[in-house]
Amino acid sequence: MNYLFVINDGPYGSERPYNALRMALNLVKGENIKVQVFLMGDGVQCAAARQSTPEGYYNIERMLKSIARRGEVAT
């Protein structure tokens, strides 16, 4: 099974990138599952190094790195 996540919102201020990455992290653990994440527009900021994570948010950069180790990320 193949899954493609397109993220075009910035890393913080909206829950959409977090929810997409949370779903991708869970899917990538399965067998015979290919997960791809495509970042476009403001979503490219999700891959910025050394992000300053606002209080109460998860670090999107770390989530994306974890997916990149097991899946594919394109910007």
C-alpha atoms as a PDB file:
ATOM      1  CA  MET A   1       0.000   0.000   0.000  1.00  0.00           C
ATOM      2  CA  ASN A   2       1.299   3.478  -0.879  1.00  0.00           C
ATOM      3  CA  TYR A   3       0.446   6.705   0.936  1.00  0.00           C
ATOM      4  CA  LEU A   4       1.308  10.276  -0.062  1.00  0.00           C
ATOM      5  CA  PHE A   5       0.926  13.155   2.380  1.00  0.00           C
ATOM      6  CA  VAL A   6       1.034  16.681   0.955  1.00  0.00           C
ATOM      7  CA  ILE A   7       1.720  19.297   3.622  1.00  0.00           C
ATOM      8  CA  ASN A   8       1.345  22.927   2.624  1.00  0.00           C
ATOM      9  CA  ASP A   9       0.790  24.582   6.032  1.00  0.00           C
ATOM     10  CA  GLY A  10       3.552  25.940   8.220  1.00  0.00           C
ATOM     11  CA  PRO A  11       4.729  23.806  11.139  1.00  0.00           C
ATOM     12  CA  TYR A  12       2.967  25.751  13.891  1.00  0.00           C
ATOM     13  CA  GLY A  13      -0.310  27.652  14.111  1.00  0.00           C
ATOM     14  CA  SER A  14      -2.321  24.826  12.566  1.00  0.00           C
ATOM     15  CA  GLU A  15      -2.723  21.215  13.627  1.00  0.00           C
ATOM     16  CA  ARG A  16      -2.776  19.942  10.032  1.00  0.00           C
ATOM     17  CA  PRO A  17       0.984  19.290   9.663  1.00  0.00           C
ATOM     18  CA  TYR A  18       1.102  17.624  13.086  1.00  0.00           C
ATOM     19  CA  ASN A  19      -1.890  15.388  12.314  1.00  0.00           C
ATOM     20  CA  ALA A  20      -0.516  14.427   8.892  1.00  0.00           C
ATOM     21  CA  LEU A  21       2.885  13.539  10.351  1.00  0.00           C
ATOM     22  CA  ARG A  22       1.335  11.649  13.245  1.00  0.00           C
ATOM     23  CA  MET A  23      -0.666   9.542  10.778  1.00  0.00           C
ATOM     24  CA  ALA A  24       2.410   9.026   8.574  1.00  0.00           C
ATOM     25  CA  LEU A  25       4.492   7.917  11.572  1.00  0.00           C
ATOM     26  CA  ASN A  26       1.938   5.276  12.462  1.00  0.00           C
ATOM     27  CA  LEU A  27       1.548   4.042   8.884  1.00  0.00           C
ATOM     28  CA  VAL A  28       5.282   3.769   8.228  1.00  0.00           C
ATOM     29  CA  LYS A  29       5.541   1.178  11.019  1.00  0.00           C
ATOM     30  CA  GLY A  30       3.419  -1.295   9.063  1.00  0.00           C
ATOM     31  CA  GLU A  31       4.660  -4.001   6.735  1.00  0.00           C
ATOM     32  CA  ASN A  32       4.548  -3.488   2.960  1.00  0.00           C
ATOM     33  CA  ILE A  33       3.582   0.158   3.398  1.00  0.00           C
ATOM     34  CA  LYS A  34       5.334   2.979   1.554  1.00  0.00           C
ATOM     35  CA  VAL A  35       4.897   6.491   2.951  1.00  0.00           C
ATOM     36  CA  GLN A  36       5.888   9.645   1.101  1.00  0.00           C
ATOM     37  CA  VAL A  37       5.644  13.189   2.447  1.00  0.00           C
ATOM     38  CA  PHE A  38       5.700  16.112   0.031  1.00  0.00           C
ATOM     39  CA  LEU A  39       6.246  19.593   1.469  1.00  0.00           C
ATOM     40  CA  MET A  40       5.137  22.603  -0.540  1.00  0.00           C
ATOM     41  CA  GLY A  41       4.462  26.276   0.113  1.00  0.00           C
ATOM     42  CA  ASP A  42       4.633  27.092   3.822  1.00  0.00           C
ATOM     43  CA  GLY A  43       4.954  23.362   4.535  1.00  0.00           C
ATOM     44  CA  VAL A  44       8.628  23.543   3.537  1.00  0.00           C
ATOM     45  CA  GLN A  45       9.229  25.279   6.866  1.00  0.00           C
ATOM     46  CA  CYS A  46       8.417  21.969   8.577  1.00  0.00           C
ATOM     47  CA  ALA A  47      11.853  20.754   7.476  1.00  0.00           C
ATOM     48  CA  ALA A  48      13.738  23.788   8.841  1.00  0.00           C
ATOM     49  CA  ALA A  49      16.630  22.806  11.095  1.00  0.00           C
ATOM     50  CA  ARG A  50      16.771  23.815  14.768  1.00  0.00           C
ATOM     51  CA  GLN A  51      13.158  24.955  15.009  1.00  0.00           C
ATOM     52  CA  SER A  52      12.047  26.913  18.029  1.00  0.00           C
ATOM     53  CA  THR A  53       9.035  24.920  19.148  1.00  0.00           C
ATOM     54  CA  PRO A  54       6.281  27.021  20.740  1.00  0.00           C
ATOM     55  CA  GLU A  55       5.075  25.903  24.153  1.00  0.00           C
ATOM     56  CA  GLY A  56       2.403  23.241  23.912  1.00  0.00           C
ATOM     57  CA  TYR A  57       3.429  22.003  20.433  1.00  0.00           C
ATOM     58  CA  TYR A  58       5.306  18.908  19.293  1.00  0.00           C
ATOM     59  CA  ASN A  59       8.559  19.430  17.417  1.00  0.00           C
ATOM     60  CA  ILE A  60       7.597  18.987  13.765  1.00  0.00           C
ATOM     61  CA  GLU A  61      11.241  18.810  12.670  1.00  0.00           C
ATOM     62  CA  ARG A  62      11.838  15.716  14.828  1.00  0.00           C
ATOM     63  CA  MET A  63       8.677  14.049  13.557  1.00  0.00           C
ATOM     64  CA  LEU A  64       9.723  14.671   9.962  1.00  0.00           C
ATOM     65  CA  LYS A  65      13.216  13.286  10.576  1.00  0.00           C
ATOM     66  CA  SER A  66      11.733  10.117  12.002  1.00  0.00           C
ATOM     67  CA  ILE A  67       9.593   9.647   8.896  1.00  0.00           C
ATOM     68  CA  ALA A  68      12.539  10.414   6.620  1.00  0.00           C
ATOM     69  CA  ARG A  69      14.487   7.541   8.170  1.00  0.00           C
ATOM     70  CA  ARG A  70      11.729   5.093   7.232  1.00  0.00           C
ATOM     71  CA  GLY A  71       9.940   6.719   4.300  1.00  0.00           C
ATOM     72  CA  GLU A  72      10.507   9.491   1.767  1.00  0.00           C
ATOM     73  CA  VAL A  73      10.345  13.260   2.131  1.00  0.00           C
ATOM     74  CA  ALA A  74      10.428  15.667  -0.827  1.00  0.00           C
ATOM     75  CA  THR A  75      10.495  19.465  -0.768  1.00  0.00           C
END
